[in-house]
Amino acid sequence: MAINHHSFALPLRSQPEAEVIDEIVQDIINKLGHKFSAFADDLIGMAPRAEAVENLLDLDSEDVVRVVGIHGMGGIGKTTLAAVVYDRISHRFGACCFLQDRLPNLKFMNLRGSKNLIKTPNFGEMKNLEKIDLEGCSGLLQVDSSIEVLTKLTFINLRNCENLISIPKCLFLMSSLETLNLAGCSRLARRLNFEGPR
């Protein structure tokens, strides 16, 4: 394989060498793509399924949060499919992590600034969650009612979720909750009449 050395602009004087090397490596990975381990090639029918999930994720669109659920009976390959897709696309992101059976241990969820998030995820499998930061999720319309299962939740930040129109009433009754920040939730304030008379 030949690499055109003229395709890289190296601003060596203005950038640390390690950063330049990281950029070159990332550029090569992006150009060559990422291939899952040979184990995926041995799985009959895995490639078309992985491609179908990738298409659902719409990875080429910008500023879009996509969640794709994979469900079915135990033992049919849901986790394997998720692992194959993860390995095929993870090189496209600056940071990533495959959480296999780890959500029950999740204590802090930071979705701050996710402008295209419309509804929070179902919290049913995250029973140890203590803090949720959704500040600046300007597209957020609703907090999922499953939040009531979070008996350890002490902090939820909804600051500047300006389009938020619905939160479960249980948030106001949770004994563990110490901080509920609704500052800047203008639509919710109007619905709940927090602004007072005009």
Protein backbone atom coordinates (compact mmCIF):
# COMPACT_ATOMS: atom_id res chain seq x y z
CA MET A 1 0.00 0.00 0.00
CA ALA A 2 1.30 3.42 -0.92
CA ILE A 3 0.47 6.57 0.99
CA ASN A 4 0.75 9.91 -0.73
CA HIS A 5 3.00 11.86 1.59
CA HIS A 6 1.88 15.10 -0.05
CA SER A 7 -1.64 14.69 1.36
CA PHE A 8 -0.55 15.68 4.86
CA ALA A 9 0.03 19.30 5.82
CA LEU A 10 2.33 19.25 8.81
CA PRO A 11 2.47 22.53 10.73
CA LEU A 12 5.47 21.30 12.73
CA ARG A 13 6.46 24.65 14.16
CA SER A 14 3.05 25.55 15.55
CA GLN A 15 1.93 22.17 16.86
CA PRO A 16 3.53 19.66 19.26
CA GLU A 17 4.92 16.59 17.52
CA ALA A 18 2.66 14.19 19.44
CA GLU A 19 -0.44 16.04 18.22
CA VAL A 20 0.77 15.90 14.61
CA ILE A 21 1.39 12.13 14.93
CA ASP A 22 -2.08 11.63 16.45
CA GLU A 23 -3.65 13.55 13.56
CA ILE A 24 -1.76 11.48 10.98
CA VAL A 25 -2.74 8.20 12.63
CA GLN A 26 -6.40 9.26 12.88
CA ASP A 27 -6.40 10.41 9.25
CA ILE A 28 -4.99 7.06 8.09
CA ILE A 29 -7.51 5.10 10.17
CA ASN A 30 -10.35 7.19 8.74
CA LYS A 31 -9.11 6.73 5.16
CA LEU A 32 -8.54 2.99 5.50
CA GLY A 33 -11.62 2.35 7.59
CA HIS A 34 -11.65 0.00 10.50
CA LYS A 35 -12.06 -3.71 10.17
CA PHE A 36 -13.45 -5.84 12.95
CA SER A 37 -11.47 -8.84 14.07
CA ALA A 38 -11.59 -11.91 11.82
CA PHE A 39 -14.06 -13.48 14.25
CA ALA A 40 -16.83 -11.28 12.77
CA ASP A 41 -16.04 -12.58 9.27
CA ASP A 42 -16.75 -16.11 10.45
CA LEU A 43 -20.25 -15.20 11.66
CA ILE A 44 -22.73 -16.04 8.93
CA GLY A 45 -24.98 -13.11 8.10
CA MET A 46 -23.30 -10.68 10.53
CA ALA A 47 -22.04 -8.15 7.94
CA PRO A 48 -25.49 -7.27 6.50
CA ARG A 49 -26.97 -6.97 9.99
CA ALA A 50 -24.15 -4.72 11.15
CA GLU A 51 -24.53 -2.56 8.03
CA ALA A 52 -28.29 -2.29 8.66
CA VAL A 53 -27.66 -1.02 12.21
CA GLU A 54 -25.03 1.42 10.94
CA ASN A 55 -27.56 2.79 8.44
CA LEU A 56 -30.08 3.29 11.25
CA LEU A 57 -27.47 5.25 13.19
CA ASP A 58 -27.12 7.71 10.27
CA LEU A 59 -23.49 8.39 11.14
CA ASP A 60 -22.95 10.98 8.42
CA SER A 61 -25.48 13.45 9.80
CA GLU A 62 -24.16 16.14 12.10
CA ASP A 63 -25.55 17.20 15.49
CA VAL A 64 -27.90 14.24 15.73
CA VAL A 65 -28.23 11.91 18.69
CA ARG A 66 -29.34 8.44 17.60
CA VAL A 67 -30.21 5.50 19.79
CA VAL A 68 -30.98 2.16 18.21
CA GLY A 69 -32.46 -0.58 20.36
CA ILE A 70 -31.59 -4.20 19.62
CA HIS A 71 -34.05 -6.56 21.24
CA GLY A 72 -35.05 -10.20 21.08
CA MET A 73 -34.81 -13.53 22.86
CA GLY A 74 -31.68 -14.41 24.77
CA GLY A 75 -28.89 -16.10 22.82
CA ILE A 76 -29.72 -14.79 19.33
CA GLY A 77 -26.67 -12.52 19.06
CA LYS A 78 -27.84 -9.08 20.18
CA THR A 79 -24.69 -8.32 22.18
CA THR A 80 -22.48 -9.78 19.45
CA LEU A 81 -24.15 -7.56 16.86
CA ALA A 82 -23.71 -4.50 19.09
CA ALA A 83 -20.03 -5.38 19.62
CA VAL A 84 -19.45 -5.80 15.87
CA VAL A 85 -21.11 -2.44 15.11
CA TYR A 86 -19.16 -0.77 17.91
CA ASP A 87 -15.88 -2.08 16.58
CA ARG A 88 -16.75 -1.03 13.04
CA ILE A 89 -17.64 2.57 13.94
CA SER A 90 -15.70 3.41 17.11
CA HIS A 91 -12.74 4.79 15.15
CA ARG A 92 -14.95 7.69 14.01
CA PHE A 93 -15.18 9.16 17.52
CA GLY A 94 -12.65 10.85 19.73
CA ALA A 95 -13.72 8.85 22.75
CA CYS A 96 -15.95 5.80 23.06
CA CYS A 97 -16.71 2.90 25.34
CA PHE A 98 -18.65 -0.34 24.92
CA LEU A 99 -20.84 -0.81 28.00
CA GLN A 100 -21.81 -4.45 28.05
CA ASP A 101 -23.92 -5.12 31.14
CA ARG A 102 -22.51 -2.00 32.82
CA LEU A 103 -25.56 0.25 33.03
CA PRO A 104 -26.64 -1.08 36.42
CA ASN A 105 -23.38 0.34 37.79
CA LEU A 106 -23.70 3.74 36.10
CA LYS A 107 -23.66 6.54 38.69
CA PHE A 108 -23.30 9.70 36.58
CA MET A 109 -24.94 10.44 33.24
CA ASN A 110 -23.62 13.50 31.41
CA LEU A 111 -25.60 14.37 28.28
CA ARG A 112 -24.88 18.09 28.67
CA GLY A 113 -25.27 20.07 25.46
CA SER A 114 -26.93 17.24 23.49
CA LYS A 115 -29.03 19.69 21.47
CA ASN A 116 -30.90 17.00 19.49
CA LEU A 117 -31.89 14.88 22.48
CA ILE A 118 -35.72 14.96 22.58
CA LYS A 119 -36.45 12.55 25.42
CA THR A 120 -34.25 11.06 28.11
CA PRO A 121 -33.54 7.34 27.92
CA ASN A 122 -35.47 4.80 29.96
CA PHE A 123 -33.78 4.68 33.36
CA GLY A 124 -35.08 1.22 34.27
CA GLU A 125 -31.67 -0.50 34.07
CA MET A 126 -29.73 2.35 35.73
CA LYS A 127 -30.89 1.96 39.31
CA ASN A 128 -27.62 3.19 40.84
CA LEU A 129 -27.68 6.51 38.99
CA GLU A 130 -26.95 9.38 41.38
CA LYS A 131 -26.40 12.38 39.08
CA ILE A 132 -27.86 13.41 35.73
CA ASP A 133 -26.57 16.46 33.86
CA LEU A 134 -28.75 17.55 30.92
CA GLU A 135 -27.83 21.23 30.93
CA GLY A 136 -28.23 22.91 27.56
CA CYS A 137 -30.17 20.07 25.93
CA SER A 138 -32.25 22.63 24.06
CA GLY A 139 -34.22 20.04 22.08
CA LEU A 140 -35.25 18.07 25.17
CA LEU A 141 -39.03 17.95 25.48
CA GLN A 142 -39.58 15.36 28.19
CA VAL A 143 -37.94 13.44 31.02
CA ASP A 144 -38.90 9.76 30.96
CA SER A 145 -41.22 8.70 33.80
CA SER A 146 -38.95 5.72 34.56
CA ILE A 147 -36.81 8.21 36.50
CA GLU A 148 -38.97 7.26 39.51
CA VAL A 149 -36.92 4.03 39.94
CA LEU A 150 -33.79 6.06 40.73
CA THR A 151 -33.92 5.93 44.51
CA LYS A 152 -30.29 7.07 44.79
CA LEU A 153 -30.66 10.14 42.55
CA THR A 154 -29.36 13.24 44.35
CA PHE A 155 -28.78 15.68 41.48
CA ILE A 156 -30.49 16.50 38.19
CA ASN A 157 -29.48 19.52 36.13
CA LEU A 158 -32.01 20.62 33.49
CA ARG A 159 -30.70 24.19 33.28
CA ASN A 160 -31.41 25.86 29.92
CA CYS A 161 -33.49 22.99 28.56
CA GLU A 162 -35.62 25.75 27.10
CA ASN A 163 -38.03 23.48 25.19
CA LEU A 164 -38.69 21.10 28.08
CA ILE A 165 -42.45 20.79 28.55
CA SER A 166 -42.85 17.67 30.69
CA ILE A 167 -41.20 16.26 33.80
CA PRO A 168 -42.60 13.49 35.97
CA LYS A 169 -44.29 14.69 39.17
CA CYS A 170 -42.28 12.11 41.09
CA LEU A 171 -39.23 14.42 40.78
CA PHE A 172 -40.84 16.72 43.33
CA LEU A 173 -41.45 13.80 45.71
CA MET A 174 -38.10 11.98 45.58
CA SER A 175 -36.61 11.90 49.08
CA SER A 176 -33.05 11.33 47.79
CA LEU A 177 -33.09 14.32 45.41
CA GLU A 178 -31.09 17.24 46.80
CA THR A 179 -30.73 19.39 43.65
CA LEU A 180 -33.23 19.90 40.84
CA ASN A 181 -32.06 22.76 38.59
CA LEU A 182 -34.83 24.04 36.30
CA ALA A 183 -33.33 27.50 35.64
CA GLY A 184 -33.87 28.59 32.05
CA CYS A 185 -36.61 26.00 31.36
CA SER A 186 -38.90 28.72 30.02
CA ARG A 187 -41.57 26.53 28.41
CA LEU A 188 -41.84 24.33 31.49
CA ALA A 189 -42.05 27.40 33.73
CA ARG A 190 -44.99 28.72 31.70
CA ARG A 191 -46.77 25.35 31.86
CA LEU A 192 -46.25 25.06 35.61
CA ASN A 193 -46.92 28.79 36.16
CA PHE A 194 -43.58 29.33 37.93
CA GLU A 195 -43.22 32.81 36.46
CA GLY A 196 -46.12 34.26 38.41
CA PRO A 197 -48.50 36.98 37.23
CA ARG A 198 -47.44 39.33 34.45
